[in-house]
Structures are given as structure tokens and as C-alpha cells.
PDB file of N, CA and C in Angstrom:
ATOM      1  N   MET A   1     -19.269  -8.554 -17.718  1.00  0.00           N
ATOM      2  CA  MET A   1     -17.769  -8.462 -17.617  1.00  0.00           C
ATOM      3  C   MET A   1     -17.412  -7.603 -16.410  1.00  0.00           C
ATOM      4  N   ALA A   2     -16.504  -8.070 -15.609  1.00  0.00           N
ATOM      5  CA  ALA A   2     -16.127  -7.326 -14.437  1.00  0.00           C
ATOM      6  C   ALA A   2     -15.210  -6.193 -14.787  1.00  0.00           C
ATOM      7  N   GLY A   3     -15.424  -5.058 -14.136  1.00  0.00           N
ATOM      8  CA  GLY A   3     -14.564  -3.836 -14.416  1.00  0.00           C
ATOM      9  C   GLY A   3     -13.329  -3.920 -13.523  1.00  0.00           C
ATOM     10  N   ILE A   4     -12.267  -3.268 -14.005  1.00  0.00           N
ATOM     11  CA  ILE A   4     -11.058  -3.139 -13.313  1.00  0.00           C
ATOM     12  C   ILE A   4     -11.090  -1.771 -12.577  1.00  0.00           C
ATOM     13  N   GLU A   5     -10.806  -1.802 -11.264  1.00  0.00           N
ATOM     14  CA  GLU A   5     -10.828  -0.611 -10.519  1.00  0.00           C
ATOM     15  C   GLU A   5      -9.563   0.194 -10.896  1.00  0.00           C
ATOM     16  N   GLU A   6      -9.742   1.516 -10.961  1.00  0.00           N
ATOM     17  CA  GLU A   6      -8.614   2.374 -11.218  1.00  0.00           C
ATOM     18  C   GLU A   6      -7.752   2.527  -9.985  1.00  0.00           C
ATOM     19  N   ALA A   7      -6.402   2.638 -10.160  1.00  0.00           N
ATOM     20  CA  ALA A   7      -5.524   2.901  -9.067  1.00  0.00           C
ATOM     21  C   ALA A   7      -5.796   4.266  -8.551  1.00  0.00           C
ATOM     22  N   VAL A   8      -5.638   4.457  -7.223  1.00  0.00           N
ATOM     23  CA  VAL A   8      -5.751   5.731  -6.590  1.00  0.00           C
ATOM     24  C   VAL A   8      -4.355   6.111  -6.040  1.00  0.00           C
ATOM     25  N   TRP A   9      -3.945   7.312  -6.394  1.00  0.00           N
ATOM     26  CA  TRP A   9      -2.618   7.788  -5.991  1.00  0.00           C
ATOM     27  C   TRP A   9      -2.731   8.961  -5.018  1.00  0.00           C
ATOM     28  N   CYS A  10      -1.831   9.027  -4.073  1.00  0.00           N
ATOM     29  CA  CYS A  10      -1.846  10.117  -3.077  1.00  0.00           C
ATOM     30  C   CYS A  10      -1.393  11.409  -3.746  1.00  0.00           C
ATOM     31  N   ASP A  11      -2.184  12.465  -3.518  1.00  0.00           N
ATOM     32  CA  ASP A  11      -1.860  13.745  -4.063  1.00  0.00           C
ATOM     33  C   ASP A  11      -0.748  14.395  -3.291  1.00  0.00           C
ATOM     34  N   GLY A  12      -0.319  13.814  -2.173  1.00  0.00           N
ATOM     35  CA  GLY A  12       0.765  14.344  -1.382  1.00  0.00           C
ATOM     36  C   GLY A  12       2.108  13.740  -1.757  1.00  0.00           C
ATOM     37  N   CYS A  13       2.228  12.405  -1.650  1.00  0.00           N
ATOM     38  CA  CYS A  13       3.528  11.755  -1.850  1.00  0.00           C
ATOM     39  C   CYS A  13       3.559  10.929  -3.118  1.00  0.00           C
ATOM     40  N   GLY A  14       2.421  10.635  -3.683  1.00  0.00           N
ATOM     41  CA  GLY A  14       2.410   9.859  -4.931  1.00  0.00           C
ATOM     42  C   GLY A  14       2.292   8.343  -4.773  1.00  0.00           C
ATOM     43  N   VAL A  15       2.221   7.848  -3.530  1.00  0.00           N
ATOM     44  CA  VAL A  15       2.108   6.417  -3.325  1.00  0.00           C
ATOM     45  C   VAL A  15       0.755   5.889  -3.753  1.00  0.00           C
ATOM     46  N   GLU A  16       0.673   4.676  -4.220  1.00  0.00           N
ATOM     47  CA  GLU A  16      -0.579   4.063  -4.625  1.00  0.00           C
ATOM     48  C   GLU A  16      -1.341   3.749  -3.315  1.00  0.00           C
ATOM     49  N   ILE A  17      -2.583   4.205  -3.207  1.00  0.00           N
ATOM     50  CA  ILE A  17      -3.374   3.993  -2.053  1.00  0.00           C
ATOM     51  C   ILE A  17      -4.262   2.791  -2.245  1.00  0.00           C
ATOM     52  N   THR A  18      -4.025   1.699  -1.465  1.00  0.00           N
ATOM     53  CA  THR A  18      -4.785   0.469  -1.516  1.00  0.00           C
ATOM     54  C   THR A  18      -5.730   0.317  -0.406  1.00  0.00           C
ATOM     55  N   TRP A  19      -5.934   1.391   0.371  1.00  0.00           N
ATOM     56  CA  TRP A  19      -6.879   1.443   1.509  1.00  0.00           C
ATOM     57  C   TRP A  19      -7.714   2.636   1.278  1.00  0.00           C
ATOM     58  N   SER A  20      -8.632   2.922   2.209  1.00  0.00           N
ATOM     59  CA  SER A  20      -9.502   4.091   2.114  1.00  0.00           C
ATOM     60  C   SER A  20      -8.699   5.366   2.291  1.00  0.00           C
ATOM     61  N   PRO A  21      -8.705   6.251   1.246  1.00  0.00           N
ATOM     62  CA  PRO A  21      -7.906   7.494   1.339  1.00  0.00           C
ATOM     63  C   PRO A  21      -8.602   8.524   2.176  1.00  0.00           C
ATOM     64  N   LEU A  22      -7.852   9.548   2.617  1.00  0.00           N
ATOM     65  CA  LEU A  22      -8.426  10.720   3.239  1.00  0.00           C
ATOM     66  C   LEU A  22      -8.743  11.666   2.034  1.00  0.00           C
ATOM     67  N   ILE A  23      -9.948  12.191   2.003  1.00  0.00           N
ATOM     68  CA  ILE A  23     -10.374  12.997   0.930  1.00  0.00           C
ATOM     69  C   ILE A  23     -10.591  14.421   1.372  1.00  0.00           C
ATOM     70  N   GLU A  24     -10.037  15.343   0.641  1.00  0.00           N
ATOM     71  CA  GLU A  24     -10.242  16.778   0.911  1.00  0.00           C
ATOM     72  C   GLU A  24     -10.488  17.452  -0.445  1.00  0.00           C
ATOM     73  N   GLY A  25     -11.744  17.834  -0.641  1.00  0.00           N
ATOM     74  CA  GLY A  25     -12.127  18.365  -1.975  1.00  0.00           C
ATOM     75  C   GLY A  25     -12.024  17.271  -2.993  1.00  0.00           C
ATOM     76  N   LYS A  26     -11.257  17.543  -4.055  1.00  0.00           N
ATOM     77  CA  LYS A  26     -11.029  16.566  -5.121  1.00  0.00           C
ATOM     78  C   LYS A  26      -9.703  15.878  -4.918  1.00  0.00           C
ATOM     79  N   ARG A  27      -8.961  16.118  -3.848  1.00  0.00           N
ATOM     80  CA  ARG A  27      -7.658  15.535  -3.585  1.00  0.00           C
ATOM     81  C   ARG A  27      -7.797  14.305  -2.670  1.00  0.00           C
ATOM     82  N   ARG A  28      -6.947  13.302  -2.884  1.00  0.00           N
ATOM     83  CA  ARG A  28      -6.891  12.083  -2.032  1.00  0.00           C
ATOM     84  C   ARG A  28      -5.540  11.945  -1.446  1.00  0.00           C
ATOM     85  N   TYR A  29      -5.499  11.561  -0.160  1.00  0.00           N
ATOM     86  CA  TYR A  29      -4.260  11.423   0.561  1.00  0.00           C
ATOM     87  C   TYR A  29      -4.166  10.061   1.215  1.00  0.00           C
ATOM     88  N   CYS A  30      -2.949   9.561   1.325  1.00  0.00           N
ATOM     89  CA  CYS A  30      -2.723   8.229   1.959  1.00  0.00           C
ATOM     90  C   CYS A  30      -2.750   8.268   3.464  1.00  0.00           C
ATOM     91  N   CYS A  31      -2.453   9.462   3.975  1.00  0.00           N
ATOM     92  CA  CYS A  31      -2.427   9.589   5.475  1.00  0.00           C
ATOM     93  C   CYS A  31      -2.622  11.057   5.878  1.00  0.00           C
ATOM     94  N   LEU A  32      -2.744  11.275   7.161  1.00  0.00           N
ATOM     95  CA  LEU A  32      -2.902  12.625   7.698  1.00  0.00           C
ATOM     96  C   LEU A  32      -1.682  13.510   7.447  1.00  0.00           C
ATOM     97  N   ASP A  33      -0.505  12.903   7.535  1.00  0.00           N
ATOM     98  CA  ASP A  33       0.684  13.700   7.270  1.00  0.00           C
ATOM     99  C   ASP A  33       0.682  14.275   5.865  1.00  0.00           C
ATOM    100  N   CYS A  34       0.360  13.495   4.858  1.00  0.00           N
ATOM    101  CA  CYS A  34       0.271  13.998   3.477  1.00  0.00           C
ATOM    102  C   CYS A  34      -0.788  15.061   3.341  1.00  0.00           C
ATOM    103  N   GLN A  35      -1.928  14.817   3.992  1.00  0.00           N
ATOM    104  CA  GLN A  35      -3.029  15.778   3.960  1.00  0.00           C
ATOM    105  C   GLN A  35      -2.592  17.157   4.542  1.00  0.00           C
ATOM    106  N   ARG A  36      -1.690  17.089   5.505  1.00  0.00           N
ATOM    107  CA  ARG A  36      -1.212  18.345   6.134  1.00  0.00           C
ATOM    108  C   ARG A  36       0.005  18.944   5.459  1.00  0.00           C
ATOM    109  N   GLY A  37       0.492  18.209   4.443  1.00  0.00           N
ATOM    110  CA  GLY A  37       1.681  18.696   3.702  1.00  0.00           C
ATOM    111  C   GLY A  37       2.994  18.278   4.261  1.00  0.00           C
ATOM    112  N   ASN A  38       3.034  17.331   5.184  1.00  0.00           N
ATOM    113  CA  ASN A  38       4.215  16.859   5.844  1.00  0.00           C
ATOM    114  C   ASN A  38       4.712  15.608   5.124  1.00  0.00           C
ATOM    115  N   PRO A  39       5.997  15.229   5.298  1.00  0.00           N
ATOM    116  CA  PRO A  39       6.515  13.995   4.734  1.00  0.00           C
ATOM    117  C   PRO A  39       5.849  12.795   5.437  1.00  0.00           C
ATOM    118  N   CYS A  40       5.679  11.735   4.706  1.00  0.00           N
ATOM    119  CA  CYS A  40       5.120  10.470   5.313  1.00  0.00           C
ATOM    120  C   CYS A  40       5.992   9.296   5.024  1.00  0.00           C
ATOM    121  N   ARG A  41       5.660   8.130   5.647  1.00  0.00           N
ATOM    122  CA  ARG A  41       6.427   6.919   5.458  1.00  0.00           C
ATOM    123  C   ARG A  41       5.592   5.802   4.888  1.00  0.00           C
ATOM    124  N   CYS A  42       4.398   6.125   4.274  1.00  0.00           N
ATOM    125  CA  CYS A  42       3.527   5.095   3.790  1.00  0.00           C
ATOM    126  C   CYS A  42       4.203   4.251   2.675  1.00  0.00           C
ATOM    127  N   GLY A  43       4.954   4.859   1.791  1.00  0.00           N
ATOM    128  CA  GLY A  43       5.644   4.143   0.726  1.00  0.00           C
ATOM    129  C   GLY A  43       6.645   3.102   1.315  1.00  0.00           C
ATOM    130  N   GLU A  44       7.349   3.520   2.364  1.00  0.00           N
ATOM    131  CA  GLU A  44       8.322   2.621   3.009  1.00  0.00           C
ATOM    132  C   GLU A  44       7.550   1.436   3.627  1.00  0.00           C
ATOM    133  N   ARG A  45       6.449   1.711   4.284  1.00  0.00           N
ATOM    134  CA  ARG A  45       5.677   0.660   4.916  1.00  0.00           C
ATOM    135  C   ARG A  45       5.107  -0.293   3.923  1.00  0.00           C
ATOM    136  N   MET A  46       4.677   0.218   2.782  1.00  0.00           N
ATOM    137  CA  MET A  46       4.138  -0.658   1.734  1.00  0.00           C
ATOM    138  C   MET A  46       5.208  -1.590   1.178  1.00  0.00           C
ATOM    139  N   GLU A  47       6.460  -1.081   0.997  1.00  0.00           N
ATOM    140  CA  GLU A  47       7.567  -1.901   0.519  1.00  0.00           C
ATOM    141  C   GLU A  47       7.871  -2.993   1.522  1.00  0.00           C
ATOM    142  N   THR A  48       7.872  -2.651   2.799  1.00  0.00           N
ATOM    143  CA  THR A  48       8.147  -3.639   3.820  1.00  0.00           C
ATOM    144  C   THR A  48       7.084  -4.741   3.801  1.00  0.00           C
ATOM    145  N   GLU A  49       5.810  -4.348   3.663  1.00  0.00           N
ATOM    146  CA  GLU A  49       4.695  -5.362   3.601  1.00  0.00           C
ATOM    147  C   GLU A  49       4.876  -6.225   2.390  1.00  0.00           C
ATOM    148  N   GLU A  50       5.258  -5.698   1.215  1.00  0.00           N
ATOM    149  CA  GLU A  50       5.438  -6.463   0.049  1.00  0.00           C
ATOM    150  C   GLU A  50       6.532  -7.473   0.249  1.00  0.00           C
ATOM    151  N   GLU A  51       7.653  -7.052   0.863  1.00  0.00           N
ATOM    152  CA  GLU A  51       8.806  -7.930   1.150  1.00  0.00           C
ATOM    153  C   GLU A  51       8.307  -9.092   2.016  1.00  0.00           C
ATOM    154  N   ARG A  52       7.518  -8.841   3.030  1.00  0.00           N
ATOM    155  CA  ARG A  52       7.042  -9.846   3.959  1.00  0.00           C
ATOM    156  C   ARG A  52       6.182 -10.841   3.192  1.00  0.00           C
ATOM    157  N   ARG A  53       5.316 -10.354   2.302  1.00  0.00           N
ATOM    158  CA  ARG A  53       4.401 -11.227   1.559  1.00  0.00           C
ATOM    159  C   ARG A  53       5.221 -12.100   0.607  1.00  0.00           C
ATOM    160  N   GLU A  54       6.220 -11.519  -0.064  1.00  0.00           N
ATOM    161  CA  GLU A  54       7.062 -12.272  -0.976  1.00  0.00           C
ATOM    162  C   GLU A  54       7.852 -13.369  -0.251  1.00  0.00           C
ATOM    163  N   THR A  55       8.382 -12.985   0.957  1.00  0.00           N
ATOM    164  CA  THR A  55       9.129 -13.953   1.697  1.00  0.00           C
ATOM    165  C   THR A  55       8.257 -15.098   2.200  1.00  0.00           C
ATOM    166  N   LYS A  56       7.044 -14.764   2.668  1.00  0.00           N
ATOM    167  CA  LYS A  56       6.127 -15.806   3.110  1.00  0.00           C
ATOM    168  C   LYS A  56       5.720 -16.711   1.993  1.00  0.00           C
ATOM    169  N   ALA A  57       5.461 -16.104   0.784  1.00  0.00           N
ATOM    170  CA  ALA A  57       5.037 -16.904  -0.386  1.00  0.00           C
ATOM    171  C   ALA A  57       6.175 -17.834  -0.780  1.00  0.00           C
ATOM    172  N   ALA A  58       7.388 -17.352  -0.777  1.00  0.00           N
ATOM    173  CA  ALA A  58       8.551 -18.155  -1.141  1.00  0.00           C
ATOM    174  C   ALA A  58       8.768 -19.305  -0.163  1.00  0.00           C
ATOM    175  N   THR A  59       8.546 -19.017   1.122  1.00  0.00           N
ATOM    176  CA  THR A  59       8.700 -20.009   2.183  1.00  0.00           C
ATOM    177  C   THR A  59       7.636 -21.100   2.033  1.00  0.00           C
ATOM    178  N   THR A  60       6.389 -20.740   1.766  1.00  0.00           N
ATOM    179  CA  THR A  60       5.334 -21.703   1.715  1.00  0.00           C
ATOM    180  C   THR A  60       5.416 -22.552   0.435  1.00  0.00           C
ATOM    181  N   ASP A  61       6.230 -22.111  -0.583  1.00  0.00           N
ATOM    182  CA  ASP A  61       6.415 -22.867  -1.772  1.00  0.00           C
ATOM    183  C   ASP A  61       7.456 -23.971  -1.597  1.00  0.00           C
ATOM    184  N   LEU A  62       8.179 -23.939  -0.489  1.00  0.00           N
ATOM    185  CA  LEU A  62       9.203 -24.924  -0.212  1.00  0.00           C
ATOM    186  C   LEU A  62       8.537 -26.223   0.245  1.00  0.00           C
ATOM    187  N   PRO A  63       9.175 -27.370   0.005  1.00  0.00           N
ATOM    188  CA  PRO A  63       8.614 -28.648   0.477  1.00  0.00           C
ATOM    189  C   PRO A  63       8.394 -28.557   1.981  1.00  0.00           C
ATOM    190  N   GLY A  64       7.246 -28.960   2.468  1.00  0.00           N
ATOM    191  CA  GLY A  64       7.004 -28.945   3.878  1.00  0.00           C
ATOM    192  C   GLY A  64       6.395 -27.621   4.335  1.00  0.00           C
ATOM    193  N   GLY A  65       6.383 -26.563   3.543  1.00  0.00           N
ATOM    194  CA  GLY A  65       5.743 -25.318   3.895  1.00  0.00           C
ATOM    195  C   GLY A  65       6.397 -24.647   5.030  1.00  0.00           C
ATOM    196  N   LEU A  66       5.668 -23.793   5.758  1.00  0.00           N
ATOM    197  CA  LEU A  66       6.183 -23.097   6.909  1.00  0.00           C
ATOM    198  C   LEU A  66       6.364 -24.043   8.061  1.00  0.00           C
ATOM    199  N   PRO A  67       7.450 -23.837   8.828  1.00  0.00           N
ATOM    200  CA  PRO A  67       7.594 -24.670  10.034  1.00  0.00           C
ATOM    201  C   PRO A  67       6.520 -24.317  11.068  1.00  0.00           C
ATOM    202  N   SER A  68       6.115 -25.301  11.815  1.00  0.00           N
ATOM    203  CA  SER A  68       5.060 -25.099  12.835  1.00  0.00           C
ATOM    204  C   SER A  68       5.699 -24.521  14.107  1.00  0.00           C
TER     205      SER A  68
END
């Protein structure tokens, strides 16, 4: 039976990390800004990427798919 990987959350901003995190001791960070205690924009970038994927999926579901 295949195991389900646990989600990894940034100890700085709380965003779910779906890439290799920066690790410092037992803490995991999504980016260098979070590791340094600064505000980051990773959550905003992830939302933008999700919107792009949803738009692309909706477009490809249309008859004829994406225009060439």
C-alpha cells in the first residue's frame, strides 16, 4: 500500500511547501525571506500558479482544446 506524504508547512509564513524547503535545525522555510524573518510572497505566487492551472484545465476541456 502506498503511503501518503505529509504536508510540509513553512515555519515562517505558514504556506504549504510543495518544493524542497530550506531547513534550519528542526524548522522548515519556503524561502530565504522567511528563514531570515522577513515577509515573503510565496503564498501569492502559489495562488497565481493555481489560477493559471485552473484556467488552462478549463480551456482544454472546451471543444477543440487550446487554440494553436
